[in-house]
Structures are given as C-alpha cells and as structure tokens.
Protein backbone atom coordinates (compact mmCIF):
# COMPACT_ATOMS: atom_id res chain seq x y z
CA UNK A 1 6.43 29.58 -13.06
CA UNK A 2 4.82 30.91 -15.95
CA UNK A 3 1.41 29.91 -17.70
CA UNK A 4 2.46 26.13 -17.27
CA UNK A 5 0.94 25.40 -14.01
CA UNK A 6 4.64 25.18 -12.30
CA UNK A 7 5.70 22.13 -13.78
CA UNK A 8 8.32 23.56 -16.43
CA UNK A 9 5.92 21.97 -18.94
CA UNK A 10 7.56 23.88 -23.06
CA UNK A 11 4.80 21.61 -24.89
CA UNK A 12 1.32 20.80 -24.08
CA UNK A 13 2.80 16.59 -23.59
CA UNK A 14 4.77 18.80 -20.49
CA UNK A 15 1.81 20.50 -18.89
CA UNK A 16 -0.24 17.24 -19.17
CA UNK A 17 2.64 15.18 -17.64
CA UNK A 18 3.33 17.05 -14.75
CA UNK A 19 -0.88 17.42 -13.85
CA UNK A 20 -0.36 13.47 -14.22
CA UNK A 21 2.41 14.43 -11.55
CA UNK A 22 0.44 16.15 -9.49
CA UNK A 23 -2.64 13.79 -9.75
CA UNK A 24 -0.46 10.59 -8.93
CA UNK A 25 0.90 12.56 -5.83
CA UNK A 26 -2.43 13.91 -4.94
CA UNK A 27 -3.26 10.25 -4.76
CA UNK A 28 -0.69 9.02 -2.63
CA UNK A 29 -1.53 11.61 -0.19
CA UNK A 30 -5.21 10.72 -0.07
CA UNK A 31 -3.81 6.79 -0.01
CA UNK A 32 -1.68 8.08 3.37
CA UNK A 33 -4.65 9.61 4.52
CA UNK A 34 -6.86 6.81 4.29
CA UNK A 35 -4.17 3.94 5.91
CA UNK A 36 -4.30 6.95 8.86
CA UNK A 37 -7.69 6.53 9.50
CA UNK A 38 -8.09 2.82 9.10
CA UNK A 39 -5.38 2.24 10.83
CA UNK A 40 -6.91 4.51 13.91
CA UNK A 41 -10.28 2.44 13.28
CA UNK A 42 -9.11 -0.79 14.02
CA UNK A 43 -6.58 0.49 16.92
CA UNK A 44 -6.37 3.84 18.33
CA UNK A 45 -2.74 2.55 18.49
CA UNK A 46 -1.71 1.50 16.15
CA UNK A 47 0.47 3.43 13.11
CA UNK A 48 -1.05 3.36 9.28
CA UNK A 49 2.43 1.29 8.35
CA UNK A 50 1.34 -1.52 10.82
CA UNK A 51 -2.24 -1.42 8.99
CA UNK A 52 -0.31 -1.78 5.74
CA UNK A 53 1.75 -4.55 7.57
CA UNK A 54 -2.22 -6.21 9.13
CA UNK A 55 -3.57 -6.04 5.89
CA UNK A 56 -0.86 -7.39 3.59
CA UNK A 57 -0.57 -10.15 5.91
CA UNK A 58 -4.14 -10.80 5.61
CA UNK A 59 -3.69 -11.13 2.01
CA UNK A 60 -0.73 -13.47 2.06
CA UNK A 61 -1.43 -15.63 4.78
CA UNK A 62 0.83 -17.40 7.10
CA UNK A 63 3.78 -15.29 5.90
CA UNK A 64 7.52 -14.26 6.65
CA UNK A 65 8.55 -11.24 7.65
CA UNK A 66 10.86 -10.82 5.02
CA UNK A 67 7.35 -11.65 2.09
CA UNK A 68 5.83 -8.82 3.87
CA UNK A 69 8.79 -6.34 3.15
CA UNK A 70 8.77 -7.64 -0.43
CA UNK A 71 5.20 -6.63 -0.71
CA UNK A 72 5.17 -3.88 0.66
CA UNK A 73 8.68 -2.26 -0.47
CA UNK A 74 9.73 -1.84 3.15
CA UNK A 75 12.76 -3.19 4.93
CA UNK A 76 12.88 -5.88 6.97
CA UNK A 77 13.98 -4.45 9.88
CA UNK A 78 11.03 -1.84 9.02
CA UNK A 79 8.55 -4.43 9.00
CA UNK A 80 9.52 -6.06 11.77
CA UNK A 81 9.19 -3.17 13.84
CA UNK A 82 5.34 -2.92 13.15
CA UNK A 83 5.06 -6.73 13.43
CA UNK A 84 5.90 -6.25 17.17
CA UNK A 85 3.82 -3.46 17.19
CA UNK A 86 0.85 -5.89 15.97
CA UNK A 87 1.83 -8.17 18.49
CA UNK A 88 1.72 -6.44 21.35
CA UNK A 89 -1.87 -5.00 20.17
CA UNK A 90 -2.96 -8.67 19.87
CA UNK A 91 -3.40 -8.74 16.18
CA UNK A 92 -0.64 -10.83 15.03
CA UNK A 93 1.40 -13.83 16.66
CA UNK A 94 4.61 -15.58 15.12
CA UNK A 95 4.29 -19.60 15.20
CA UNK A 96 7.86 -21.80 13.71
CA UNK A 97 7.60 -22.72 9.86
CA UNK A 98 7.05 -26.04 9.40
CA UNK A 99 10.04 -25.76 6.57
CA UNK A 100 12.50 -24.45 8.70
CA UNK A 101 12.53 -24.36 12.44
CA UNK A 102 15.07 -21.46 12.48
CA UNK A 103 12.00 -19.15 10.94
CA UNK A 104 8.76 -17.57 11.99
CA UNK A 105 6.10 -16.92 10.31
CA UNK A 106 3.48 -13.89 11.07
CA UNK A 107 -0.27 -15.01 11.35
CA UNK A 108 -3.06 -13.08 12.71
CA UNK A 109 -4.68 -13.51 15.71
CA UNK A 110 -8.53 -14.21 15.29
CA UNK A 111 -9.19 -10.40 16.52
CA UNK A 112 -6.69 -9.35 14.01
CA UNK A 113 -8.03 -10.85 11.65
CA UNK A 114 -11.87 -9.29 12.66
CA UNK A 115 -10.61 -6.48 12.78
CA UNK A 116 -8.85 -5.77 9.35
CA UNK A 117 -11.82 -7.33 7.59
CA UNK A 118 -13.74 -4.60 9.15
CA UNK A 119 -11.46 -2.15 8.03
CA UNK A 120 -11.44 -3.62 4.31
CA UNK A 121 -15.14 -4.17 3.98
CA UNK A 122 -14.86 0.19 5.00
CA UNK A 123 -12.52 0.70 2.54
CA UNK A 124 -14.26 -0.89 -0.16
CA UNK A 125 -17.47 0.34 0.56
CA UNK A 126 -15.88 4.16 0.55
CA UNK A 127 -14.13 3.00 -2.55
CA UNK A 128 -16.52 2.20 -4.49
CA UNK A 129 -19.09 5.10 -3.12
CA UNK A 130 -16.28 7.18 -5.05
CA UNK A 131 -16.89 5.57 -8.60
CA UNK A 132 -20.76 5.13 -8.11
CA UNK A 133 -21.43 7.72 -10.61
CA UNK A 134 -19.17 6.40 -13.39
CA UNK A 135 -19.76 4.40 -16.54
CA UNK A 136 -18.57 0.97 -16.04
CA UNK A 137 -16.64 1.50 -19.26
CA UNK A 138 -14.78 4.10 -17.83
CA UNK A 139 -13.98 2.47 -14.56
CA UNK A 140 -12.56 -0.86 -16.83
CA UNK A 141 -10.58 2.05 -18.49
CA UNK A 142 -9.34 3.43 -15.06
CA UNK A 143 -8.39 -0.01 -13.72
CA UNK A 144 -6.30 -0.93 -17.32
CA UNK A 145 -4.51 2.49 -17.27
CA UNK A 146 -3.77 2.30 -13.77
CA UNK A 147 -2.26 -1.76 -13.84
CA UNK A 148 -0.09 -0.12 -16.67
CA UNK A 149 0.79 2.48 -14.84
CA UNK A 150 1.87 0.61 -11.69
CA UNK A 151 3.90 -1.88 -13.75
CA UNK A 152 6.02 0.44 -15.41
CA UNK A 153 6.62 2.55 -12.30
CA UNK A 154 7.30 0.04 -10.01
CA UNK A 155 9.57 -0.75 -12.32
CA UNK A 156 11.17 2.29 -13.17
CA UNK A 157 14.53 3.24 -11.60
CA UNK A 158 14.17 5.61 -9.31
CA UNK A 159 15.96 9.10 -10.24
CA UNK A 160 19.62 8.98 -8.92
CA UNK A 161 19.37 5.58 -7.21
CA UNK A 162 21.15 3.33 -9.32
CA UNK A 163 19.67 -0.33 -9.07
CA UNK A 164 16.75 0.97 -7.51
CA UNK A 165 13.38 0.12 -7.16
CA UNK A 166 12.87 -3.33 -8.03
CA UNK A 167 10.52 -3.76 -5.26
CA UNK A 168 9.51 -7.37 -5.49
CA UNK A 169 13.02 -8.26 -7.47
C-alpha cells in the first residue's frame, strides 16, 4: 500500500482523487443507511428501495413505472416489484392513464403521501442539522460542486460497461 493511503496515488492529485473517491463511496453508504432508516420509519415492512420509489412517486406525481425506473436508475421489473410491495402496504395505487388505457399510473394513497411527507420532513431536519455550523458561502460552494460532480458522474460511462450509464437517456 505504501504511504498513499492505499489509493495507488503516485502524485498529490492521485492521492486527493483517491481520498475523494473514498469520501463519495462513504456518502453513498451513508445515503443507504439513511434510506434504510427512513423506510423503517414509514413501515417496518418496507425495504429501502421501496422507500426510494415512494419518495420518487411523491416528487413526480402520478407516473408510469418506466418514469420511476428512469428517475431512479433501476430496472422496470425492480420498480414493479417495489410498487407491488408498496401497494400491499396501502401506500400506492394504480390508476388507468387517461391518455393510454393500456397504461396504468402509480399514485400515492393519502396514507402513503402522509407517511412519505413525514419521512421527508424528518430527513430535511436531519440534513440541515448536519450543516448548521457551516457558513452559507461554503454551503453554496458545496451545492455547486456536488451538482457539477453529479452531472459529470451520471453521464460518464462505467468502466467495462460500454454505453453504460446514461441514466435518463
């Protein structure tokens, strides 16, 4: 490993990029932990992936499974499974789409909306508490940098997966 923290960096830039990669991975792990906690707060029977679907359905409004799949970067079959689980819990329903009678839209029930709104309020409070001592200028800079990074990261091809990511393509 050497003195580079195990990141294989031969230059200061490589070392910093390695540390940044580790921080990004830690942020993803933290997000998974938060989603797990939020899901369990909504219902003890809910999986974290289902919480993400519920939250996305709240943001999008009545939508197709394919809309949720594109939004979340998941397969339509995985989304369908989560929608079925959420319907079983009474948090979503399926209604016929006016513009296409063959299509059914995912909609939140009143209980689903109330529960996801409560979870989102709790998440927002928790998130803002983590930044309470930060100067506004640093929060603005972090927001700008994260937006720039996310745009580049989401559009980049994954190593060894030609034509990948294109979440949203």
